[in-house]
Structures are given as structure tokens and as C-alpha cells.
Protein backbone atom coordinates (compact mmCIF):
# COMPACT_ATOMS: atom_id res chain seq x y z
CA MET A 1 124.66 132.05 90.63
CA THR A 2 126.74 130.70 93.25
CA LEU A 3 125.22 128.61 95.92
CA VAL A 4 125.20 131.46 98.25
CA ALA A 5 123.30 133.94 96.11
CA GLU A 6 120.94 130.98 95.40
CA ILE A 7 120.00 130.59 98.70
CA LYS A 8 119.66 134.03 99.23
CA GLU A 9 117.11 134.42 96.28
CA THR A 10 115.20 131.42 97.81
CA LYS A 11 114.95 133.07 101.12
CA LYS A 12 113.29 135.98 99.55
CA GLN A 13 110.26 133.01 98.30
CA PRO A 14 107.39 132.05 100.69
CA VAL A 15 108.13 128.29 102.22
CA ARG A 16 106.65 125.82 100.03
CA GLY A 17 104.08 123.32 101.16
CA MET A 18 104.19 120.14 101.31
CA MET A 19 102.48 119.47 98.36
CA ASP A 20 104.74 121.63 96.33
CA ASN A 21 107.61 119.90 97.30
CA VAL A 22 105.72 116.06 96.81
CA MET A 23 105.14 117.42 93.09
CA GLU A 24 108.25 118.71 92.57
CA GLN A 25 110.13 115.57 93.67
CA PHE A 26 107.42 113.68 91.38
CA ASN A 27 107.49 115.34 88.12
CA SER A 28 111.46 115.13 88.43
CA ALA A 29 111.52 111.51 88.53
CA ALA A 30 108.99 111.12 85.96
CA ASP A 31 111.18 113.44 83.76
CA LYS A 32 114.21 111.04 84.54
CA ILE A 33 112.42 107.63 83.49
CA HIS A 34 110.16 109.63 80.83
CA LEU A 35 107.21 108.67 82.35
CA HIS A 36 103.90 107.99 80.21
CA PRO A 37 102.24 111.33 79.73
CA ASN A 38 98.79 109.83 80.50
CA ILE A 39 100.26 107.88 83.55
CA ARG A 40 101.97 111.30 85.19
CA LYS A 41 98.61 112.54 84.37
CA ILE A 42 96.75 109.98 86.73
CA LEU A 43 99.37 110.07 89.13
CA SER A 44 99.18 113.62 89.31
CA ILE A 45 95.58 113.50 91.18
CA THR A 46 94.49 111.94 93.96
CA ASN A 47 91.86 109.34 93.36
CA ASN A 48 89.09 109.94 96.47
CA GLU A 49 89.08 112.63 99.25
CA ILE A 50 86.96 112.16 102.31
CA VAL A 51 86.09 115.33 104.51
CA VAL A 52 84.29 114.38 107.02
CA ASN A 53 82.70 116.86 109.76
CA PHE A 54 81.59 115.07 112.85
CA PRO A 55 79.92 115.61 116.60
CA VAL A 56 81.51 114.80 119.88
CA LYS A 57 80.40 115.23 123.01
CA MET A 58 83.25 116.41 125.84
CA ASP A 59 83.23 115.47 129.12
CA ASN A 60 81.65 118.82 130.33
CA GLY A 61 78.38 117.99 128.16
CA ASP A 62 79.48 120.37 125.38
CA VAL A 63 79.68 119.36 121.74
CA GLU A 64 82.66 119.76 119.59
CA ILE A 65 82.28 119.51 115.77
CA PHE A 66 85.61 117.86 114.62
CA ARG A 67 87.20 117.85 111.08
CA GLY A 68 88.73 114.36 109.65
CA TYR A 69 90.23 113.71 106.58
CA ARG A 70 91.00 110.64 104.46
CA VAL A 71 93.12 111.22 100.83
CA GLN A 72 92.89 107.65 98.88
CA HIS A 73 95.66 108.86 96.11
CA ASN A 74 96.52 105.52 94.10
CA ASN A 75 95.36 101.89 94.01
CA ALA A 76 96.55 100.33 91.18
CA LEU A 77 98.98 97.96 93.04
CA GLY A 78 96.61 97.11 95.60
CA PRO A 79 94.21 98.85 99.23
CA TYR A 80 95.34 102.33 100.12
CA LYS A 81 97.48 101.81 102.59
CA GLY A 82 98.91 104.74 105.64
CA GLY A 83 98.38 106.63 108.58
CA LEU A 84 96.31 108.88 110.33
CA ARG A 85 97.60 111.99 112.34
CA TYR A 86 95.77 114.10 115.27
CA HIS A 87 97.41 117.38 114.99
CA PRO A 88 96.85 121.10 114.51
CA THR A 89 98.79 121.36 110.59
CA VAL A 90 96.25 118.30 109.56
CA ASP A 91 94.72 119.95 106.63
CA ILE A 92 93.44 118.51 102.67
CA ASP A 93 96.99 119.67 101.26
CA ALA A 94 98.80 117.87 103.86
CA ALA A 95 96.63 114.64 103.52
CA ARG A 96 97.00 114.53 99.77
CA ALA A 97 101.28 115.16 99.86
CA LEU A 98 101.18 112.49 102.23
CA ALA A 99 99.06 110.23 100.55
CA MET A 100 101.13 110.72 97.74
CA TRP A 101 103.88 109.95 99.25
CA MET A 102 102.75 106.19 100.71
CA THR A 103 102.11 105.46 97.24
CA TRP A 104 105.71 105.96 96.10
CA LYS A 105 106.53 104.53 99.44
CA THR A 106 104.61 100.93 99.21
CA SER A 107 105.40 100.48 95.53
CA LEU A 108 109.39 101.12 96.42
CA ALA A 109 109.37 98.06 99.06
CA GLY A 110 107.14 96.07 96.76
CA LEU A 111 103.79 95.97 98.49
CA PRO A 112 100.56 95.20 97.34
CA TYR A 113 99.33 98.60 98.62
CA GLY A 114 98.77 102.17 96.85
CA GLY A 115 98.85 105.39 99.26
CA GLY A 116 96.35 107.16 101.49
CA LYS A 117 96.63 109.49 104.63
CA GLY A 118 94.53 111.63 106.66
CA GLY A 119 93.95 112.61 110.05
CA ILE A 120 91.90 114.93 112.38
CA GLN A 121 92.74 119.14 112.61
CA LEU A 122 93.14 118.69 116.56
CA ASP A 123 95.43 119.40 119.27
CA PRO A 124 95.37 115.99 121.44
CA THR A 125 97.03 117.25 124.63
CA LYS A 126 93.75 119.45 124.91
CA TYR A 127 91.37 116.46 125.44
CA SER A 128 91.40 113.29 127.57
CA GLN A 129 91.32 109.87 127.24
CA SER A 130 87.83 109.30 127.40
CA GLU A 131 87.43 112.18 124.86
CA LEU A 132 89.94 110.67 122.55
CA GLU A 133 87.85 107.64 122.75
CA ARG A 134 85.07 109.27 121.78
CA ILE A 135 86.82 111.47 118.55
CA THR A 136 88.33 108.31 117.38
CA ARG A 137 85.52 106.11 117.45
CA ARG A 138 83.26 109.21 116.10
CA PHE A 139 85.54 110.08 113.32
CA THR A 140 85.78 105.94 112.19
CA PHE A 141 81.78 105.73 112.25
CA ALA A 142 81.77 108.99 109.75
CA LEU A 143 84.49 107.17 107.37
CA ALA A 144 81.87 104.46 107.26
CA ASP A 145 82.47 102.64 104.08
CA ASN A 146 85.36 104.81 102.95
CA ILE A 147 87.59 102.14 104.70
CA GLY A 148 87.95 98.57 104.89
CA PRO A 149 90.46 95.80 104.98
CA GLU A 150 90.87 95.34 101.42
CA HIS A 151 89.99 98.73 100.27
CA ASP A 152 91.55 100.95 102.68
CA ILE A 153 93.69 100.52 105.93
CA PRO A 154 94.83 102.97 108.74
CA ALA A 155 97.38 102.92 110.44
CA PRO A 156 99.06 105.11 113.38
CA ASP A 157 100.92 108.55 112.12
CA VAL A 158 101.71 111.61 114.32
CA ASN A 159 99.74 111.80 118.04
CA THR A 160 98.22 108.45 117.03
CA ASN A 161 99.18 104.85 118.61
CA SER A 162 98.21 101.45 118.99
CA GLN A 163 95.37 102.73 121.03
CA THR A 164 93.57 104.70 118.79
CA MET A 165 94.15 101.41 116.52
CA ALA A 166 92.55 99.22 118.77
CA TRP A 167 89.52 101.95 118.96
CA MET A 168 89.29 102.35 115.73
CA ALA A 169 89.40 98.56 114.44
CA ASP A 170 86.48 97.89 117.22
CA THR A 171 84.15 100.63 116.14
CA TYR A 172 84.45 99.06 112.88
CA MET A 173 84.02 95.58 113.43
CA SER A 174 80.87 96.56 115.62
CA THR A 175 79.34 98.18 112.41
CA ARG A 176 79.70 94.89 110.29
CA PRO A 177 77.39 91.84 111.08
CA PRO A 178 78.06 89.22 113.36
CA ALA A 179 79.21 87.06 111.78
CA GLU A 180 81.54 88.86 109.28
CA ARG A 181 83.07 90.76 112.43
CA THR A 182 86.51 88.75 113.27
CA ALA A 183 87.08 88.61 109.66
CA ASN A 184 87.47 92.49 109.50
CA GLN A 185 89.89 92.91 112.18
CA HIS A 186 92.51 93.58 109.40
CA VAL A 187 91.12 97.11 108.86
CA VAL A 188 93.81 98.98 110.95
CA THR A 189 97.22 98.13 111.49
CA GLY A 190 99.39 99.51 114.04
CA LYS A 191 97.08 97.44 116.80
CA PRO A 192 98.10 96.46 120.34
CA ALA A 193 99.57 92.95 119.85
CA GLY A 194 96.92 91.44 122.12
CA SER A 195 94.21 93.05 120.07
CA GLY A 196 95.68 91.42 116.67
CA GLY A 197 98.84 93.80 116.56
CA LEU A 198 101.72 92.30 115.31
CA GLU A 199 104.48 91.86 117.41
CA GLY A 200 107.30 94.41 116.76
CA ARG A 201 105.08 96.61 114.99
CA ASP A 202 105.65 99.23 117.59
CA ARG A 203 109.11 99.58 116.54
CA ALA A 204 109.37 98.61 112.96
CA THR A 205 109.54 101.92 111.83
CA GLY A 206 112.22 103.25 113.96
CA TYR A 207 114.04 100.02 113.38
CA GLY A 208 113.51 100.93 109.77
CA VAL A 209 115.73 104.28 110.04
CA PHE A 210 118.61 102.43 111.94
CA LEU A 211 118.67 99.56 109.36
CA SER A 212 119.14 102.58 106.56
CA ILE A 213 121.84 103.96 108.22
CA LYS A 214 123.69 100.86 109.15
CA PHE A 215 123.02 99.71 105.47
CA TRP A 216 124.00 103.16 104.20
CA ALA A 217 127.51 102.79 107.04
CA GLU A 218 128.02 99.39 105.21
CA LYS A 219 128.49 100.80 101.64
CA LYS A 220 130.75 103.41 102.99
CA ASP A 221 132.92 101.00 105.26
CA MET A 222 132.28 102.88 108.16
CA CYS A 223 131.42 101.45 111.54
CA LEU A 224 128.84 103.14 113.56
CA THR A 225 130.80 102.76 116.52
CA GLY A 226 131.33 106.08 118.27
CA LYS A 227 129.49 108.24 115.46
CA LYS A 228 127.41 110.64 117.11
CA PHE A 229 123.59 111.37 116.20
CA ILE A 230 120.95 114.04 116.99
CA VAL A 231 117.05 113.26 116.80
CA GLN A 232 114.44 115.60 115.89
CA GLY A 233 111.32 114.26 117.75
CA PHE A 234 111.52 111.65 120.41
CA GLY A 235 108.50 109.89 119.67
CA ASN A 236 108.14 106.23 118.82
CA VAL A 237 110.08 106.34 115.71
CA GLY A 238 112.48 108.77 117.63
CA TYR A 239 112.88 106.62 120.42
CA TRP A 240 113.34 103.43 118.29
CA ALA A 241 115.97 104.69 116.06
CA ALA A 242 117.86 105.83 119.12
CA HIS A 243 117.93 102.69 121.00
CA PHE A 244 119.10 100.87 118.04
CA LEU A 245 121.63 103.30 117.10
CA GLU A 246 122.65 103.43 120.35
CA LYS A 247 122.71 99.44 121.12
CA GLU A 248 125.11 99.68 117.98
CA GLY A 249 127.44 101.75 119.81
CA ALA A 250 126.40 105.48 118.43
CA VAL A 251 126.15 108.23 120.71
CA LEU A 252 123.17 110.33 121.07
CA VAL A 253 124.26 114.14 121.56
CA ALA A 254 121.36 116.35 121.07
CA VAL A 255 117.28 115.84 121.08
CA GLN A 256 114.30 117.97 120.20
CA ASP A 257 110.78 117.63 120.87
CA ALA A 258 107.63 119.94 120.72
CA PHE A 259 108.74 121.17 123.73
CA GLY A 260 112.66 122.24 123.35
CA SER A 261 115.57 121.19 122.53
CA ILE A 262 118.96 119.90 124.42
CA GLU A 263 122.17 118.66 123.57
CA ASN A 264 124.79 116.63 125.43
CA GLN A 265 128.22 116.27 123.40
CA GLN A 266 129.44 113.64 126.01
CA GLY A 267 126.02 111.26 125.64
CA ILE A 268 122.98 111.50 126.30
CA MET A 269 121.25 107.93 127.41
CA VAL A 270 118.64 106.88 125.06
CA GLU A 271 116.61 104.88 127.93
CA ASP A 272 117.03 107.42 130.80
CA LEU A 273 115.72 110.10 128.42
CA LEU A 274 112.63 107.88 127.73
CA ASP A 275 112.04 107.28 131.59
CA TYR A 276 112.22 111.12 132.39
CA THR A 277 110.00 111.75 129.30
CA LYS A 278 107.39 109.13 130.71
CA ALA A 279 107.56 111.27 134.27
CA SER A 280 107.27 114.08 132.25
CA LYS A 281 104.53 114.50 130.51
CA GLY A 282 106.38 113.21 127.32
CA SER A 283 108.73 115.99 127.19
CA ILE A 284 112.37 116.71 127.30
CA VAL A 285 112.66 119.85 128.96
CA ASP A 286 114.81 120.40 131.80
CA TYR A 287 116.40 116.96 131.78
CA PRO A 288 119.04 116.76 134.36
CA ARG A 289 121.80 115.36 131.83
CA ALA A 290 121.83 117.72 129.28
CA THR A 291 121.84 121.56 128.10
CA HIS A 292 119.01 123.57 127.42
CA ILE A 293 120.04 125.23 123.35
CA LYS A 294 118.67 127.31 120.90
CA LYS A 295 115.26 125.83 118.47
CA SER A 296 117.17 127.35 116.32
CA ASP A 297 120.60 125.92 116.64
CA PHE A 298 119.31 122.18 117.11
CA PHE A 299 120.20 121.47 113.48
CA ALA A 300 123.73 123.09 113.80
CA THR A 301 124.57 120.66 116.34
CA ASN A 302 127.71 119.05 115.91
CA CYS A 303 127.24 115.61 114.74
CA ASP A 304 127.84 112.47 111.98
CA ILE A 305 124.21 112.02 111.71
CA CYS A 306 120.60 113.74 111.71
CA ILE A 307 117.54 112.53 112.00
CA PRO A 308 114.65 114.35 111.14
CA ALA A 309 111.71 112.44 112.86
CA ALA A 310 108.98 114.40 113.82
CA LEU A 311 106.76 116.85 110.93
CA GLY A 312 107.48 117.91 107.24
CA ASN A 313 109.44 120.66 106.18
CA GLN A 314 111.72 121.30 109.41
CA ILE A 315 115.22 120.99 106.92
CA THR A 316 114.65 124.27 104.26
CA SER A 317 116.87 126.90 102.18
CA GLU A 318 116.99 128.63 105.91
CA ASN A 319 118.98 126.32 108.28
CA ALA A 320 120.11 123.74 105.40
CA LEU A 321 124.23 125.38 105.66
CA GLN A 322 123.78 125.17 109.43
CA ILE A 323 123.81 121.52 109.06
CA ASN A 324 126.97 119.49 109.97
CA ALA A 325 125.77 116.07 109.64
CA THR A 326 127.34 114.15 106.67
CA LEU A 327 123.81 111.67 106.66
CA ILE A 328 120.04 113.06 107.18
CA ALA A 329 118.26 109.71 107.55
CA GLU A 330 114.14 110.83 106.77
CA GLY A 331 112.47 109.53 109.95
CA ALA A 332 109.49 111.63 109.46
CA ASN A 333 107.62 112.07 105.96
CA GLY A 334 108.94 115.04 103.57
CA PRO A 335 111.34 116.55 106.46
CA THR A 336 113.22 118.08 103.71
CA ASN A 337 111.91 120.53 101.33
CA VAL A 338 113.04 120.73 97.97
CA GLU A 339 115.00 124.22 98.03
CA GLY A 340 117.02 122.68 101.59
CA GLU A 341 117.88 119.02 99.88
CA LYS A 342 119.16 121.28 97.01
CA ILE A 343 121.73 123.11 99.37
CA LEU A 344 122.73 119.62 101.01
CA LEU A 345 123.39 117.63 98.11
CA GLU A 346 125.19 120.13 96.26
CA ARG A 347 127.65 120.35 100.30
CA GLY A 348 127.87 116.61 99.58
CA VAL A 349 125.42 115.46 102.32
CA SER A 350 123.94 112.13 101.70
CA ILE A 351 120.11 111.89 102.28
CA ILE A 352 118.38 108.53 102.74
CA PRO A 353 114.98 109.43 101.22
CA ASP A 354 111.48 109.21 103.54
CA ILE A 355 110.03 106.71 101.19
CA LEU A 356 113.12 104.49 101.95
CA CYS A 357 114.42 105.25 105.17
CA ASN A 358 111.10 105.35 107.16
CA SER A 359 109.39 102.54 104.97
CA GLY A 360 109.95 99.86 108.11
CA GLY A 361 106.29 101.05 109.29
CA VAL A 362 104.72 100.17 106.21
CA VAL A 363 106.52 96.72 105.81
CA GLY A 364 105.20 95.97 109.42
CA SER A 365 101.69 96.54 108.82
CA TYR A 366 101.74 94.90 106.29
CA TYR A 367 103.08 91.27 108.11
CA GLU A 368 100.38 92.25 110.70
CA TRP A 369 97.83 92.38 107.93
CA LEU A 370 98.83 89.63 106.59
CA GLN A 371 98.85 87.60 110.12
CA ASN A 372 95.31 88.94 110.55
CA ARG A 373 94.01 87.45 107.05
CA ASN A 374 95.73 84.19 107.31
CA GLY A 375 94.76 83.86 111.36
CA GLU A 376 98.17 83.06 111.83
CA LEU A 377 100.65 84.29 115.03
CA TRP A 378 104.39 85.96 114.31
CA GLN A 379 107.16 85.66 116.68
CA LEU A 380 108.99 89.20 117.45
CA ASP A 381 112.12 87.14 115.93
CA GLU A 382 111.14 86.12 112.84
CA VAL A 383 109.28 89.80 112.80
CA MET A 384 112.47 91.33 113.14
CA VAL A 385 114.39 89.32 110.55
CA LYS A 386 111.66 89.29 107.90
CA LEU A 387 112.19 93.19 108.20
CA GLU A 388 115.64 93.27 108.38
CA LYS A 389 115.58 91.08 104.72
CA LYS A 390 113.10 93.53 103.03
CA LEU A 391 114.40 96.26 104.15
CA ARG A 392 118.07 95.12 102.98
CA GLU A 393 116.43 94.55 99.37
CA SER A 394 115.12 97.92 99.23
CA PHE A 395 118.11 99.62 100.39
CA ASN A 396 120.47 97.76 97.85
CA LYS A 397 117.71 97.94 95.00
CA VAL A 398 118.11 102.07 95.27
CA HIS A 399 121.57 102.36 96.34
CA ASP A 400 122.88 100.08 93.10
CA TYR A 401 120.07 102.44 91.00
CA SER A 402 121.47 105.53 92.45
CA GLU A 403 125.28 104.31 91.43
CA GLU A 404 124.22 102.87 88.38
CA GLU A 405 121.65 106.27 86.96
CA ASN A 406 124.25 108.72 88.82
CA LEU A 407 121.46 110.00 90.97
CA ASP A 408 120.82 111.35 94.55
CA MET A 409 118.86 108.52 96.24
CA ARG A 410 115.62 110.21 96.50
CA THR A 411 115.37 110.79 92.90
CA ALA A 412 116.36 106.85 92.43
CA ALA A 413 113.82 105.79 95.01
CA TYR A 414 111.03 107.59 93.08
CA CYS A 415 112.17 106.19 89.72
CA LEU A 416 111.92 102.88 91.05
CA ALA A 417 108.56 103.39 93.09
CA ILE A 418 107.11 105.12 89.70
CA LYS A 419 108.35 102.60 87.40
CA ARG A 420 106.38 100.02 89.19
CA ILE A 421 103.07 101.33 88.90
CA GLU A 422 103.71 102.66 85.01
CA ARG A 423 104.38 98.91 84.64
CA ALA A 424 101.13 97.76 86.37
CA TYR A 425 98.91 100.40 83.94
CA ILE A 426 100.52 99.08 80.77
CA GLU A 427 99.84 95.62 81.82
CA ARG A 428 96.33 95.94 82.99
CA GLY A 429 95.32 98.92 80.48
CA ILE A 430 92.86 101.89 81.47
CA PHE A 431 89.12 100.70 82.13
CA PRO A 432 87.04 100.94 80.24
């Protein structure tokens, strides 16, 4: 069957969910490395799935019931680790997929963590700051002993930030006996620097996306100066990735967020756009130094590098043929589905997979966890050096393995991540 015929056939099928994508990616890599059938069974399921329903009093005195999730996929290598997101699309299937991706991501990075993920199904723009604080604190209390600094360590994700983590840490620590409170500061990472956070954690994910692009370009003997890039999602990850790319000489030519899409082939100044969004309730719409483009045209923008840094399932069989970029750097988790990726690879488009590309965040979280655990304070410059060293090691490992085995980078990354977990099970055995 020709590529075009395959695409037409694929379009007849309903768009698969993230769980379908992560399982297909896992099984493909497991087949490549001949993963032991018993270990495949273990890694195909989640260890624990927590669903909590909890009441919160709103500013007007009414009570609303919220549903929160925490899925703990696997902890063979260490405590569960992963973000919490506040978004209408949060459900148990999304949490399962994201938790599994975290297992592969932490394993690939060589960290002593497993994978977890969760969040609350809500639109945070509909609630006041004080309501969000009460929702967060009540959610933390509802999770109770299902999280902990040596058991499951949440972090920020979509629509959550350092303030969210500060509320979570304070709530959790307040439920501990007085003599144990400060010893539990590392129950979450991504906290504000003044409340036990790590200097540089705010930019770690976006910096990692930038470094992955830089390392890829070095392997291709390519200079990033003058290269055009587009960013989907101008939140924390998208902004910092764009910030560092611009400093390297690359040119931002299009941005898409939840409100709209803009383009300027002559270049969009990153800091100028950030200042505009701060004054426009986070929106890029009507930015005066760019023109509005249709949402459906965004991925077709003329560029060299595409950074999807928003939500999952954004690049599919529906739009993969439109993409002009030669490199996709996945700042979000699961932005490219299986069908979309197949089309891109056949077209010769390179993809730096999410579990490698955006792992700077969890590496930064690990450093914050260590800092709290050991009672240390690390400076920004040493954090950035440590991040670059760690991420370069991961990138080279995946790149070299993909070359040796003639694999795309995602499959190579999965193979390496799964092998590390398999080794842990083989060495330790299964209890009892």
C-alpha cells in the first residue's frame, strides 16, 4: 500500500487515545529487545490507580465536587515521580498513559524514580486564585498517604506551577507530626525557590528541549543561527525553549496557544511576546507584530524546527503531511501519535521523542529532591551545568543506540529505558 493510500485508510479510523499510543510504542520496543514475557506483563499495567472525589467551598459559598486522579505505574527503580495537571481532559486513561511515559522517561535519564501522573478534571480559568488554593489543598489532603517524599513525588504539569506546589507542600507538611514537617519538604518538586525550590527548575524542561535540539544539530554539523522554529504552547516549556533558541540565533516565526495562532516570517521577539501575554491574560491573540493564522494552518508554517509543547495527540495522520519542519522536538508528552509519526518518519522528518526531549524537567526535579533531602542549596550556574551534562549523556546514549541498531530515536529511547527496568527485575526477582 502506498503512503497516501495508508493515510487515507488511517483517516477512516477514529483518533486513538494516548493509552493506545503508549502501549503500541512500548510493545514495539519490547519486541525489538525481546523483553521477557513476565516483565512485559508487569510493565503493561499500572501498580496503583487512585481516584478521589472531594468537596470544596467556592467564593460564593456554594460547594463543588471535584474528581482527582493519581496513577502510579511502576516503582522498580525508585519512588513514583510525575506531574499533576489541571485540565478538562484529565481522566484515568490520560493519567495511565502519562504515568507510563514517566516510567520510561525517568529510567532513560538514569534517575532512581518510577513513573506516576495525575491531576484534576477542571478548567482553572474558571476559578479564582483563592478557589484554586482551596482545591489544591483539599486534593492534597484527599491523596493523603498515597504520596510522600520517598513514595510518590508530584511536580507541576499543564496549568499547575510553583505556587501550586507550594500549596501542596505546605498542606502535606502540615499533616505530619511537628518534628517531621521539615523532613517532608521534598514531597513535591517544582516549588518556588524561596520555599525549598531549586534555582533553575522553572526553566529546566524548556532548557532540556533546547539542548536536545542543539545536540541534534551538532550531530548533523548544523548551525542553529537563522533557523526558523515554531512553538505550539507558549507556557513554561514553550517560552523557555524559545528563549534559549533565540539566544542561540534561531528565529521564532509562529506560535500557537489555546487562544489562537500567530505568524511572522521575519521573526517574533520572544521576550516581547512574553510581555504581551502577561498583559493579555496569557493569550497571544492580537499580538501587534505578527499576523493571525488559522489553527489548522499552524503546523504547515514554513520552518526548520517544530516544537509541540502543549498537549498530547496534536500531530496525527490528519496534519503530518502538512508539516514543513525537518525536526520535531517534543516538548509536550505524547504530542505525536503513532500514525502521525509513521508518516513523518517515512518523509524523513527527525523526531526527538518526549521521553528524551522534555526530560530536563524531571532531571531538575531530581536535583531539587536531592537538595531538600540533603539540606543543601545549589546555585543557578551549577544547576545549569549539571543539567547540560546529564542531558548530553542521555542524548548521546539514545543517538548512538539508534545508529547502531538502525532505529528511530523514539524506539531507541524506549529500548534503553525498558532494558534498565528489565535488568532491575532480573537482578531482584519477584516477591515472594
